[in-house]
Amino acid sequence: MDILFVSANSRDEYIDIEREHRSLQKLVETGGHSLHVLPAAEITDLRDALKANKKNKIFDILHFSGHVTEEEGLQLRGEGRRKDVLNGETLKELLKGSGVKLVVLNACHSEALATSLSEVIPAAIGTTRKIRDVAARQFTRNFYGALKDHASVKGAFEAALKTQKQSSTPAYVLETGARFVTDQSIDSSMNSARCSSSLP
């Protein structure tokens, strides 16, 4: 399990990204897993990381913690404290052939983007509504904790959902691409790479 943790905060809607990062760091400290971090990420940072991953496999999971809008895409950092937006179609092109097997969009209202991304990668996780910080951190801990214990992506997702407050509409959704409809094809793809390289 090799994760790229991409984060970008907002001066208008602050979220507690540092605690989520710390939770992931603790999970990957044992067991041969790796965590690569892009804090206060700009579009060029993410573009360069995905291009580098095509040449030298470093991570197979892209985890985004920040803000997403259905109309625009990922809200990343721009100049100063301004935001810059990476639209969904551009992100899809960057993900094609990048080696990423799973994208986790731990951001409010990210279901539509997750569905779109699943057209070019095996699986993507998004949210159906606004997510509170504590719920986002809880999902991260439980989902990756289950993956670390060798659960399938689907199994880890279902285990993480059980810890969320129950409602008629789950807060998180798992979208899988048409070519990757079984747990085995998702998980065997993810588990095929173990890499200790660092980002350039």
N, C-alpha and C. Protein backbone atom coordinates (compact mmCIF):
# COMPACT_ATOMS: atom_id res chain seq x y z
N MET A 1 0.86 -1.19 0.00
CA MET A 1 0.00 0.00 0.00
C MET A 1 0.89 1.23 0.00
N ASP A 2 0.91 1.91 -1.14
CA ASP A 2 1.75 3.10 -1.30
C ASP A 2 0.84 4.27 -1.66
N ILE A 3 0.82 5.29 -0.79
CA ILE A 3 -0.17 6.35 -0.87
C ILE A 3 0.49 7.69 -1.16
N LEU A 4 -0.13 8.46 -2.07
CA LEU A 4 0.22 9.86 -2.24
C LEU A 4 -0.88 10.67 -1.57
N PHE A 5 -0.53 11.40 -0.52
CA PHE A 5 -1.48 12.22 0.23
C PHE A 5 -1.37 13.65 -0.27
N VAL A 6 -2.41 14.09 -0.97
CA VAL A 6 -2.44 15.43 -1.55
C VAL A 6 -3.42 16.27 -0.75
N SER A 7 -3.00 17.43 -0.29
CA SER A 7 -3.88 18.26 0.53
C SER A 7 -3.78 19.72 0.13
N ALA A 8 -4.88 20.43 0.31
CA ALA A 8 -4.91 21.87 0.07
C ALA A 8 -6.02 22.45 0.92
N ASN A 9 -5.66 23.38 1.78
CA ASN A 9 -6.66 23.98 2.66
C ASN A 9 -7.22 25.25 2.02
N SER A 10 -8.18 25.84 2.67
CA SER A 10 -8.82 27.06 2.18
C SER A 10 -8.88 28.09 3.29
N ARG A 11 -8.63 29.33 2.94
CA ARG A 11 -8.71 30.38 3.95
C ARG A 11 -10.17 30.63 4.35
N ASP A 12 -11.11 30.25 3.48
CA ASP A 12 -12.52 30.48 3.76
C ASP A 12 -13.18 29.31 4.49
N GLU A 13 -12.72 28.08 4.18
CA GLU A 13 -13.30 26.89 4.79
C GLU A 13 -12.18 25.98 5.28
N TYR A 14 -11.64 26.30 6.44
CA TYR A 14 -10.51 25.55 6.99
C TYR A 14 -10.95 24.15 7.40
N ILE A 15 -10.11 23.15 7.08
CA ILE A 15 -10.35 21.79 7.54
C ILE A 15 -9.08 21.26 8.19
N ASP A 16 -9.24 20.31 9.10
CA ASP A 16 -8.13 19.83 9.91
C ASP A 16 -7.37 18.72 9.16
N ILE A 17 -6.63 19.13 8.14
CA ILE A 17 -5.89 18.18 7.30
C ILE A 17 -4.75 17.53 8.08
N GLU A 18 -4.13 18.27 8.99
CA GLU A 18 -2.95 17.76 9.69
C GLU A 18 -3.26 16.50 10.49
N ARG A 19 -4.43 16.45 11.13
CA ARG A 19 -4.78 15.26 11.91
C ARG A 19 -5.03 14.05 11.00
N GLU A 20 -5.62 14.31 9.84
CA GLU A 20 -5.83 13.20 8.89
C GLU A 20 -4.49 12.67 8.39
N HIS A 21 -3.57 13.57 8.10
CA HIS A 21 -2.23 13.18 7.69
C HIS A 21 -1.56 12.35 8.78
N ARG A 22 -1.69 12.80 10.02
CA ARG A 22 -1.06 12.08 11.13
C ARG A 22 -1.64 10.67 11.28
N SER A 23 -2.95 10.53 11.08
CA SER A 23 -3.57 9.21 11.16
C SER A 23 -2.99 8.26 10.11
N LEU A 24 -2.84 8.77 8.89
CA LEU A 24 -2.26 7.94 7.83
C LEU A 24 -0.81 7.60 8.12
N GLN A 25 -0.06 8.57 8.63
CA GLN A 25 1.35 8.34 8.93
C GLN A 25 1.52 7.22 9.93
N LYS A 26 0.68 7.20 10.95
CA LYS A 26 0.77 6.13 11.95
C LYS A 26 0.45 4.77 11.35
N LEU A 27 -0.49 4.73 10.41
CA LEU A 27 -0.89 3.46 9.81
C LEU A 27 0.20 2.85 8.94
N VAL A 28 0.98 3.69 8.25
CA VAL A 28 1.96 3.17 7.30
C VAL A 28 3.34 2.98 7.91
N GLU A 29 3.50 3.29 9.18
CA GLU A 29 4.82 3.20 9.80
C GLU A 29 5.32 1.76 9.91
N THR A 30 4.40 0.80 9.87
CA THR A 30 4.80 -0.61 9.94
C THR A 30 4.21 -1.34 8.74
N GLY A 31 4.81 -2.45 8.39
CA GLY A 31 4.23 -3.32 7.38
C GLY A 31 4.69 -3.08 5.96
N GLY A 32 5.75 -2.31 5.76
CA GLY A 32 6.28 -2.13 4.41
C GLY A 32 5.46 -1.20 3.53
N HIS A 33 4.61 -0.37 4.12
CA HIS A 33 3.81 0.58 3.35
C HIS A 33 4.55 1.92 3.26
N SER A 34 4.09 2.78 2.36
CA SER A 34 4.75 4.09 2.22
C SER A 34 3.71 5.19 2.05
N LEU A 35 4.08 6.38 2.51
CA LEU A 35 3.23 7.56 2.40
C LEU A 35 4.07 8.71 1.86
N HIS A 36 3.64 9.27 0.73
CA HIS A 36 4.29 10.41 0.11
C HIS A 36 3.33 11.59 0.21
N VAL A 37 3.83 12.75 0.53
CA VAL A 37 2.97 13.87 0.91
C VAL A 37 3.20 15.09 0.01
N LEU A 38 2.08 15.67 -0.45
CA LEU A 38 2.11 16.95 -1.17
C LEU A 38 1.25 17.94 -0.40
N PRO A 39 1.81 18.63 0.60
CA PRO A 39 1.02 19.60 1.36
C PRO A 39 0.87 20.91 0.61
N ALA A 40 -0.22 21.62 0.86
CA ALA A 40 -0.50 22.89 0.18
C ALA A 40 -0.25 22.74 -1.31
N ALA A 41 -0.80 21.68 -1.88
CA ALA A 41 -0.47 21.28 -3.24
C ALA A 41 -0.97 22.26 -4.28
N GLU A 42 -0.13 22.51 -5.26
CA GLU A 42 -0.49 23.30 -6.43
C GLU A 42 -0.70 22.35 -7.60
N ILE A 43 -1.33 22.85 -8.66
CA ILE A 43 -1.61 22.01 -9.82
C ILE A 43 -0.33 21.40 -10.38
N THR A 44 0.72 22.20 -10.47
CA THR A 44 1.98 21.68 -11.02
C THR A 44 2.56 20.57 -10.15
N ASP A 45 2.37 20.64 -8.83
CA ASP A 45 2.86 19.59 -7.93
C ASP A 45 2.21 18.25 -8.26
N LEU A 46 0.89 18.26 -8.39
CA LEU A 46 0.16 17.02 -8.66
C LEU A 46 0.46 16.52 -10.06
N ARG A 47 0.53 17.43 -11.02
CA ARG A 47 0.84 17.02 -12.39
C ARG A 47 2.21 16.34 -12.45
N ASP A 48 3.21 16.95 -11.79
CA ASP A 48 4.56 16.39 -11.81
C ASP A 48 4.61 15.03 -11.12
N ALA A 49 3.87 14.89 -10.02
CA ALA A 49 3.86 13.62 -9.28
C ALA A 49 3.26 12.50 -10.11
N LEU A 50 2.17 12.78 -10.81
CA LEU A 50 1.52 11.75 -11.63
C LEU A 50 2.37 11.40 -12.85
N LYS A 51 3.03 12.39 -13.43
CA LYS A 51 3.92 12.10 -14.56
C LYS A 51 5.10 11.26 -14.11
N ALA A 52 5.66 11.58 -12.94
CA ALA A 52 6.78 10.80 -12.41
C ALA A 52 6.36 9.37 -12.12
N ASN A 53 5.12 9.20 -11.68
CA ASN A 53 4.63 7.86 -11.34
C ASN A 53 4.48 6.97 -12.57
N LYS A 54 4.25 7.58 -13.72
CA LYS A 54 4.17 6.81 -14.96
C LYS A 54 5.51 6.17 -15.30
N LYS A 55 6.59 6.88 -14.98
CA LYS A 55 7.93 6.40 -15.33
C LYS A 55 8.50 5.48 -14.26
N ASN A 56 8.23 5.80 -13.00
CA ASN A 56 8.81 5.04 -11.89
C ASN A 56 7.75 4.88 -10.81
N LYS A 57 7.13 3.72 -10.76
CA LYS A 57 5.99 3.50 -9.88
C LYS A 57 6.35 3.80 -8.43
N ILE A 58 5.67 4.80 -7.84
CA ILE A 58 5.94 5.21 -6.48
C ILE A 58 4.72 4.98 -5.59
N PHE A 59 3.53 5.24 -6.12
CA PHE A 59 2.31 5.08 -5.32
C PHE A 59 1.20 4.48 -6.19
N ASP A 60 0.26 3.79 -5.56
CA ASP A 60 -0.88 3.25 -6.28
C ASP A 60 -2.20 3.81 -5.79
N ILE A 61 -2.17 4.59 -4.70
CA ILE A 61 -3.37 5.24 -4.18
C ILE A 61 -3.12 6.75 -4.12
N LEU A 62 -4.07 7.51 -4.65
CA LEU A 62 -4.03 8.96 -4.52
C LEU A 62 -5.14 9.36 -3.57
N HIS A 63 -4.77 9.95 -2.43
CA HIS A 63 -5.74 10.37 -1.42
C HIS A 63 -5.74 11.89 -1.38
N PHE A 64 -6.91 12.48 -1.64
CA PHE A 64 -7.02 13.94 -1.63
C PHE A 64 -7.83 14.39 -0.43
N SER A 65 -7.27 15.33 0.32
CA SER A 65 -7.95 15.94 1.46
C SER A 65 -8.02 17.43 1.22
N GLY A 66 -9.23 17.93 1.04
CA GLY A 66 -9.40 19.34 0.73
C GLY A 66 -10.82 19.62 0.30
N HIS A 67 -10.98 20.46 -0.72
CA HIS A 67 -12.31 20.85 -1.19
C HIS A 67 -12.47 20.49 -2.67
N VAL A 68 -13.69 20.05 -2.99
CA VAL A 68 -14.05 19.68 -4.36
C VAL A 68 -15.38 20.34 -4.70
N THR A 69 -15.51 20.79 -5.93
CA THR A 69 -16.82 21.24 -6.40
C THR A 69 -17.19 20.43 -7.64
N GLU A 70 -18.46 20.06 -7.76
CA GLU A 70 -18.90 19.25 -8.89
C GLU A 70 -18.66 19.98 -10.21
N GLU A 71 -18.84 21.29 -10.21
CA GLU A 71 -18.73 22.05 -11.44
C GLU A 71 -17.27 22.27 -11.86
N GLU A 72 -16.36 22.37 -10.88
CA GLU A 72 -14.99 22.77 -11.20
C GLU A 72 -13.98 21.62 -11.07
N GLY A 73 -13.93 20.96 -9.93
CA GLY A 73 -12.95 19.91 -9.71
C GLY A 73 -12.23 20.10 -8.39
N LEU A 74 -10.94 19.73 -8.34
CA LEU A 74 -10.16 19.85 -7.12
C LEU A 74 -9.74 21.29 -6.89
N GLN A 75 -9.94 21.77 -5.66
CA GLN A 75 -9.46 23.10 -5.31
C GLN A 75 -8.07 22.96 -4.70
N LEU A 76 -7.06 23.42 -5.43
CA LEU A 76 -5.68 23.37 -4.97
C LEU A 76 -5.19 24.78 -4.66
N ARG A 77 -3.92 24.89 -4.28
CA ARG A 77 -3.38 26.20 -3.91
C ARG A 77 -2.92 26.96 -5.15
N GLY A 78 -3.21 28.26 -5.15
CA GLY A 78 -2.70 29.12 -6.18
C GLY A 78 -1.68 30.07 -5.58
N GLU A 79 -1.47 31.20 -6.20
CA GLU A 79 -0.52 32.17 -5.69
C GLU A 79 -1.04 32.77 -4.39
N GLY A 80 -0.12 33.00 -3.46
CA GLY A 80 -0.53 33.53 -2.16
C GLY A 80 -1.46 32.57 -1.47
N ARG A 81 -2.60 33.07 -1.03
CA ARG A 81 -3.58 32.21 -0.36
C ARG A 81 -4.80 31.95 -1.24
N ARG A 82 -4.66 32.28 -2.52
CA ARG A 82 -5.78 32.08 -3.43
C ARG A 82 -5.87 30.61 -3.85
N LYS A 83 -7.05 30.19 -4.29
CA LYS A 83 -7.23 28.82 -4.74
C LYS A 83 -7.01 28.74 -6.25
N ASP A 84 -6.66 27.56 -6.70
CA ASP A 84 -6.53 27.27 -8.12
C ASP A 84 -7.28 25.96 -8.33
N VAL A 85 -7.96 25.80 -9.44
CA VAL A 85 -8.83 24.66 -9.65
C VAL A 85 -8.30 23.75 -10.75
N LEU A 86 -8.20 22.45 -10.43
CA LEU A 86 -7.85 21.44 -11.43
C LEU A 86 -9.15 20.77 -11.84
N ASN A 87 -9.61 21.02 -13.06
CA ASN A 87 -10.91 20.48 -13.45
C ASN A 87 -10.86 18.97 -13.66
N GLY A 88 -12.02 18.37 -13.60
CA GLY A 88 -12.12 16.92 -13.63
C GLY A 88 -11.56 16.29 -14.89
N GLU A 89 -11.80 16.89 -16.05
CA GLU A 89 -11.33 16.31 -17.30
C GLU A 89 -9.80 16.31 -17.37
N THR A 90 -9.19 17.39 -16.88
CA THR A 90 -7.72 17.44 -16.85
C THR A 90 -7.16 16.38 -15.91
N LEU A 91 -7.80 16.22 -14.75
CA LEU A 91 -7.36 15.21 -13.80
C LEU A 91 -7.48 13.82 -14.40
N LYS A 92 -8.55 13.55 -15.12
CA LYS A 92 -8.72 12.25 -15.77
C LYS A 92 -7.57 11.97 -16.74
N GLU A 93 -7.21 12.98 -17.53
CA GLU A 93 -6.11 12.80 -18.48
C GLU A 93 -4.80 12.51 -17.75
N LEU A 94 -4.57 13.20 -16.62
CA LEU A 94 -3.35 12.98 -15.85
C LEU A 94 -3.31 11.58 -15.25
N LEU A 95 -4.47 11.05 -14.91
CA LEU A 95 -4.53 9.73 -14.27
C LEU A 95 -4.37 8.59 -15.25
N LYS A 96 -4.68 8.82 -16.52
CA LYS A 96 -4.57 7.75 -17.51
C LYS A 96 -3.13 7.24 -17.59
N GLY A 97 -2.97 5.95 -17.38
CA GLY A 97 -1.65 5.36 -17.48
C GLY A 97 -0.69 5.77 -16.39
N SER A 98 -1.21 6.37 -15.32
CA SER A 98 -0.33 6.88 -14.25
C SER A 98 0.07 5.81 -13.26
N GLY A 99 -0.57 4.65 -13.30
CA GLY A 99 -0.29 3.62 -12.31
C GLY A 99 -1.15 3.72 -11.06
N VAL A 100 -1.98 4.75 -10.97
CA VAL A 100 -2.87 4.90 -9.82
C VAL A 100 -4.04 3.94 -9.97
N LYS A 101 -4.31 3.15 -8.93
CA LYS A 101 -5.38 2.17 -8.96
C LYS A 101 -6.61 2.61 -8.18
N LEU A 102 -6.42 3.54 -7.25
CA LEU A 102 -7.53 3.98 -6.41
C LEU A 102 -7.34 5.46 -6.09
N VAL A 103 -8.41 6.24 -6.23
CA VAL A 103 -8.42 7.63 -5.80
C VAL A 103 -9.45 7.78 -4.69
N VAL A 104 -9.04 8.37 -3.57
CA VAL A 104 -9.95 8.65 -2.46
C VAL A 104 -10.10 10.16 -2.37
N LEU A 105 -11.31 10.64 -2.60
CA LEU A 105 -11.61 12.08 -2.52
C LEU A 105 -12.30 12.34 -1.20
N ASN A 106 -11.50 12.59 -0.17
CA ASN A 106 -12.07 12.83 1.16
C ASN A 106 -12.40 14.31 1.27
N ALA A 107 -13.43 14.69 0.53
CA ALA A 107 -13.86 16.08 0.40
C ALA A 107 -15.36 16.10 0.21
N CYS A 108 -16.00 17.16 0.59
CA CYS A 108 -17.46 17.26 0.50
C CYS A 108 -17.94 17.21 -0.96
N HIS A 109 -19.06 16.54 -1.17
CA HIS A 109 -19.74 16.53 -2.47
C HIS A 109 -18.82 16.10 -3.62
N SER A 110 -18.08 15.02 -3.42
CA SER A 110 -17.12 14.58 -4.44
C SER A 110 -17.59 13.35 -5.22
N GLU A 111 -18.85 12.95 -5.04
CA GLU A 111 -19.35 11.74 -5.71
C GLU A 111 -19.26 11.85 -7.23
N ALA A 112 -19.71 12.97 -7.78
CA ALA A 112 -19.72 13.12 -9.24
C ALA A 112 -18.32 13.01 -9.83
N LEU A 113 -17.34 13.61 -9.16
CA LEU A 113 -15.97 13.54 -9.65
C LEU A 113 -15.44 12.12 -9.52
N ALA A 114 -15.75 11.44 -8.43
CA ALA A 114 -15.32 10.04 -8.26
C ALA A 114 -15.88 9.17 -9.37
N THR A 115 -17.16 9.36 -9.70
CA THR A 115 -17.78 8.60 -10.78
C THR A 115 -17.06 8.83 -12.10
N SER A 116 -16.74 10.08 -12.38
CA SER A 116 -16.03 10.41 -13.61
C SER A 116 -14.64 9.79 -13.65
N LEU A 117 -13.91 9.86 -12.54
CA LEU A 117 -12.55 9.32 -12.50
C LEU A 117 -12.53 7.81 -12.66
N SER A 118 -13.60 7.14 -12.22
CA SER A 118 -13.65 5.68 -12.32
C SER A 118 -13.70 5.20 -13.77
N GLU A 119 -13.86 6.12 -14.71
CA GLU A 119 -13.82 5.76 -16.13
C GLU A 119 -12.40 5.47 -16.60
N VAL A 120 -11.40 5.95 -15.85
CA VAL A 120 -10.01 5.79 -16.30
C VAL A 120 -9.13 5.08 -15.29
N ILE A 121 -9.63 4.81 -14.09
CA ILE A 121 -8.88 4.07 -13.07
C ILE A 121 -9.79 2.97 -12.52
N PRO A 122 -9.22 1.97 -11.85
CA PRO A 122 -10.05 0.88 -11.34
C PRO A 122 -11.12 1.29 -10.35
N ALA A 123 -10.82 2.22 -9.43
CA ALA A 123 -11.81 2.56 -8.41
C ALA A 123 -11.57 3.96 -7.86
N ALA A 124 -12.66 4.58 -7.42
CA ALA A 124 -12.59 5.90 -6.80
C ALA A 124 -13.65 5.98 -5.71
N ILE A 125 -13.30 6.66 -4.62
CA ILE A 125 -14.22 6.86 -3.51
C ILE A 125 -14.52 8.35 -3.39
N GLY A 126 -15.80 8.67 -3.26
CA GLY A 126 -16.21 10.06 -3.09
C GLY A 126 -17.28 10.17 -2.03
N THR A 127 -17.80 11.36 -1.84
CA THR A 127 -18.80 11.60 -0.80
C THR A 127 -20.08 12.16 -1.42
N THR A 128 -21.19 11.85 -0.76
CA THR A 128 -22.49 12.26 -1.28
C THR A 128 -22.96 13.59 -0.73
N ARG A 129 -22.27 14.10 0.28
CA ARG A 129 -22.74 15.32 0.94
C ARG A 129 -21.59 15.98 1.70
N LYS A 130 -21.91 16.98 2.48
CA LYS A 130 -20.91 17.64 3.30
C LYS A 130 -20.45 16.69 4.40
N ILE A 131 -19.14 16.63 4.61
CA ILE A 131 -18.54 15.71 5.58
C ILE A 131 -17.83 16.51 6.66
N ARG A 132 -18.12 16.19 7.90
CA ARG A 132 -17.44 16.86 9.01
C ARG A 132 -16.03 16.31 9.16
N ASP A 133 -15.14 17.13 9.71
CA ASP A 133 -13.75 16.72 9.90
C ASP A 133 -13.62 15.41 10.64
N VAL A 134 -14.35 15.25 11.72
CA VAL A 134 -14.21 14.05 12.54
C VAL A 134 -14.64 12.81 11.76
N ALA A 135 -15.68 12.92 10.93
CA ALA A 135 -16.13 11.79 10.13
C ALA A 135 -15.12 11.45 9.04
N ALA A 136 -14.50 12.48 8.45
CA ALA A 136 -13.49 12.26 7.41
C ALA A 136 -12.28 11.53 7.99
N ARG A 137 -11.83 11.97 9.16
CA ARG A 137 -10.68 11.30 9.79
C ARG A 137 -11.03 9.87 10.18
N GLN A 138 -12.23 9.67 10.66
CA GLN A 138 -12.66 8.33 11.06
C GLN A 138 -12.68 7.39 9.85
N PHE A 139 -13.20 7.88 8.73
CA PHE A 139 -13.21 7.05 7.52
C PHE A 139 -11.80 6.69 7.10
N THR A 140 -10.90 7.67 7.11
CA THR A 140 -9.52 7.43 6.73
C THR A 140 -8.88 6.37 7.60
N ARG A 141 -9.02 6.50 8.91
CA ARG A 141 -8.42 5.52 9.82
C ARG A 141 -8.94 4.12 9.57
N ASN A 142 -10.24 4.00 9.45
CA ASN A 142 -10.84 2.67 9.34
C ASN A 142 -10.67 2.04 7.96
N PHE A 143 -10.74 2.84 6.92
CA PHE A 143 -10.57 2.30 5.58
C PHE A 143 -9.14 1.80 5.36
N TYR A 144 -8.16 2.65 5.67
CA TYR A 144 -6.78 2.23 5.45
C TYR A 144 -6.33 1.20 6.48
N GLY A 145 -6.92 1.26 7.68
CA GLY A 145 -6.62 0.22 8.66
C GLY A 145 -7.04 -1.15 8.16
N ALA A 146 -8.21 -1.22 7.52
CA ALA A 146 -8.69 -2.49 6.97
C ALA A 146 -7.83 -2.93 5.78
N LEU A 147 -7.45 -1.98 4.92
CA LEU A 147 -6.55 -2.33 3.81
C LEU A 147 -5.23 -2.88 4.32
N LYS A 148 -4.73 -2.25 5.38
CA LYS A 148 -3.47 -2.71 5.96
C LYS A 148 -3.59 -4.13 6.49
N ASP A 149 -4.80 -4.49 6.94
CA ASP A 149 -5.04 -5.84 7.43
C ASP A 149 -5.45 -6.79 6.31
N HIS A 150 -5.17 -6.40 5.07
CA HIS A 150 -5.34 -7.24 3.88
C HIS A 150 -6.79 -7.42 3.44
N ALA A 151 -7.66 -6.50 3.81
CA ALA A 151 -9.02 -6.53 3.28
C ALA A 151 -9.00 -6.08 1.81
N SER A 152 -9.99 -6.52 1.04
CA SER A 152 -10.14 -6.01 -0.31
C SER A 152 -10.58 -4.55 -0.24
N VAL A 153 -10.49 -3.85 -1.36
CA VAL A 153 -10.95 -2.46 -1.39
C VAL A 153 -12.42 -2.40 -1.00
N LYS A 154 -13.23 -3.27 -1.58
CA LYS A 154 -14.65 -3.28 -1.26
C LYS A 154 -14.88 -3.63 0.21
N GLY A 155 -14.13 -4.62 0.70
CA GLY A 155 -14.27 -5.02 2.09
C GLY A 155 -13.86 -3.91 3.05
N ALA A 156 -12.76 -3.23 2.73
CA ALA A 156 -12.29 -2.12 3.57
C ALA A 156 -13.29 -0.97 3.55
N PHE A 157 -13.86 -0.71 2.37
CA PHE A 157 -14.85 0.35 2.24
C PHE A 157 -16.08 0.04 3.10
N GLU A 158 -16.55 -1.18 3.02
CA GLU A 158 -17.74 -1.56 3.79
C GLU A 158 -17.45 -1.52 5.29
N ALA A 159 -16.26 -1.92 5.69
CA ALA A 159 -15.89 -1.88 7.11
C ALA A 159 -15.86 -0.43 7.61
N ALA A 160 -15.31 0.46 6.77
CA ALA A 160 -15.25 1.88 7.17
C ALA A 160 -16.64 2.49 7.26
N LEU A 161 -17.54 2.09 6.36
CA LEU A 161 -18.90 2.63 6.40
C LEU A 161 -19.63 2.26 7.68
N LYS A 162 -19.33 1.09 8.22
CA LYS A 162 -20.02 0.64 9.42
C LYS A 162 -19.74 1.55 10.61
N THR A 163 -18.63 2.26 10.57
CA THR A 163 -18.28 3.14 11.69
C THR A 163 -18.91 4.53 11.54
N GLN A 164 -19.49 4.81 10.36
CA GLN A 164 -20.10 6.10 10.12
C GLN A 164 -21.51 6.14 10.69
N LYS A 165 -21.99 7.33 10.97
CA LYS A 165 -23.36 7.49 11.44
C LYS A 165 -24.31 6.99 10.37
N GLN A 166 -25.22 6.09 10.75
CA GLN A 166 -26.09 5.44 9.79
C GLN A 166 -27.18 6.40 9.29
N SER A 167 -27.44 6.35 7.98
CA SER A 167 -28.51 7.14 7.39
C SER A 167 -28.99 6.42 6.14
N SER A 168 -30.07 6.89 5.57
CA SER A 168 -30.61 6.24 4.38
C SER A 168 -29.67 6.37 3.19
N THR A 169 -28.90 7.44 3.15
CA THR A 169 -27.91 7.65 2.09
C THR A 169 -26.52 7.66 2.70
N PRO A 170 -25.68 6.66 2.39
CA PRO A 170 -24.32 6.64 2.95
C PRO A 170 -23.55 7.89 2.58
N ALA A 171 -22.67 8.33 3.48
CA ALA A 171 -21.88 9.54 3.21
C ALA A 171 -20.82 9.30 2.15
N TYR A 172 -20.35 8.05 2.03
CA TYR A 172 -19.29 7.72 1.08
C TYR A 172 -19.79 6.72 0.04
N VAL A 173 -19.26 6.81 -1.16
CA VAL A 173 -19.61 5.88 -2.23
C VAL A 173 -18.32 5.37 -2.87
N LEU A 174 -18.36 4.11 -3.29
CA LEU A 174 -17.24 3.49 -4.00
C LEU A 174 -17.67 3.29 -5.44
N GLU A 175 -16.93 3.90 -6.36
CA GLU A 175 -17.22 3.77 -7.79
C GLU A 175 -16.12 2.92 -8.43
N THR A 176 -16.52 1.91 -9.20
CA THR A 176 -15.54 1.06 -9.87
C THR A 176 -15.72 1.15 -11.37
N GLY A 177 -14.59 1.12 -12.08
CA GLY A 177 -14.64 1.21 -13.53
C GLY A 177 -15.18 -0.05 -14.16
N ALA A 178 -15.73 0.08 -15.36
CA ALA A 178 -16.36 -1.05 -16.04
C ALA A 178 -15.38 -2.19 -16.30
N ARG A 179 -14.12 -1.86 -16.48
CA ARG A 179 -13.12 -2.91 -16.76
C ARG A 179 -12.59 -3.55 -15.48
N PHE A 180 -12.99 -3.04 -14.33
CA PHE A 180 -12.45 -3.52 -13.07
C PHE A 180 -13.60 -3.76 -12.09
N VAL A 181 -14.48 -4.69 -12.45
CA VAL A 181 -15.72 -4.83 -11.70
C VAL A 181 -15.63 -5.82 -10.54
N THR A 182 -14.51 -6.52 -10.39
CA THR A 182 -14.39 -7.48 -9.30
C THR A 182 -13.38 -7.01 -8.28
N ASP A 183 -13.54 -7.47 -7.05
CA ASP A 183 -12.58 -7.14 -6.00
C ASP A 183 -11.19 -7.62 -6.39
N GLN A 184 -11.12 -8.79 -6.99
CA GLN A 184 -9.83 -9.38 -7.28
C GLN A 184 -9.02 -8.51 -8.25
N SER A 185 -9.66 -7.99 -9.30
CA SER A 185 -8.90 -7.22 -10.27
C SER A 185 -8.44 -5.88 -9.69
N ILE A 186 -9.22 -5.31 -8.79
CA ILE A 186 -8.79 -4.09 -8.13
C ILE A 186 -7.62 -4.39 -7.20
N ASP A 187 -7.80 -5.39 -6.34
CA ASP A 187 -6.81 -5.64 -5.30
C ASP A 187 -5.52 -6.22 -5.84
N SER A 188 -5.62 -7.10 -6.85
CA SER A 188 -4.39 -7.66 -7.39
C SER A 188 -3.57 -6.57 -8.08
N SER A 189 -4.26 -5.61 -8.70
CA SER A 189 -3.54 -4.49 -9.32
C SER A 189 -2.83 -3.66 -8.26
N MET A 190 -3.54 -3.39 -7.15
CA MET A 190 -2.94 -2.56 -6.11
C MET A 190 -1.79 -3.25 -5.43
N ASN A 191 -1.93 -4.55 -5.20
CA ASN A 191 -0.92 -5.26 -4.43
C ASN A 191 0.28 -5.67 -5.27
N SER A 192 0.25 -5.39 -6.57
CA SER A 192 1.35 -5.80 -7.43
C SER A 192 2.60 -4.95 -7.22
N ALA A 193 2.46 -3.81 -6.60
CA ALA A 193 3.63 -2.92 -6.46
C ALA A 193 3.90 -2.60 -5.01
N ARG A 194 5.15 -2.77 -4.61
CA ARG A 194 5.62 -2.31 -3.31
C ARG A 194 6.88 -1.52 -3.60
N CYS A 195 6.89 -0.24 -3.24
CA CYS A 195 7.97 0.65 -3.65
C CYS A 195 8.37 1.55 -2.52
N SER A 196 9.64 1.73 -2.34
CA SER A 196 10.13 2.61 -1.27
C SER A 196 10.73 3.88 -1.81
N SER A 197 10.53 4.14 -3.10
CA SER A 197 11.11 5.33 -3.71
C SER A 197 10.47 6.58 -3.16
N SER A 198 11.14 7.69 -3.27
CA SER A 198 10.58 8.98 -2.85
C SER A 198 10.32 9.84 -4.07
N LEU A 199 9.42 10.80 -3.89
CA LEU A 199 9.11 11.68 -5.00
C LEU A 199 10.29 12.58 -5.30
N PRO A 200 10.46 12.92 -6.59
CA PRO A 200 11.58 13.81 -6.95
C PRO A 200 11.35 15.20 -6.40
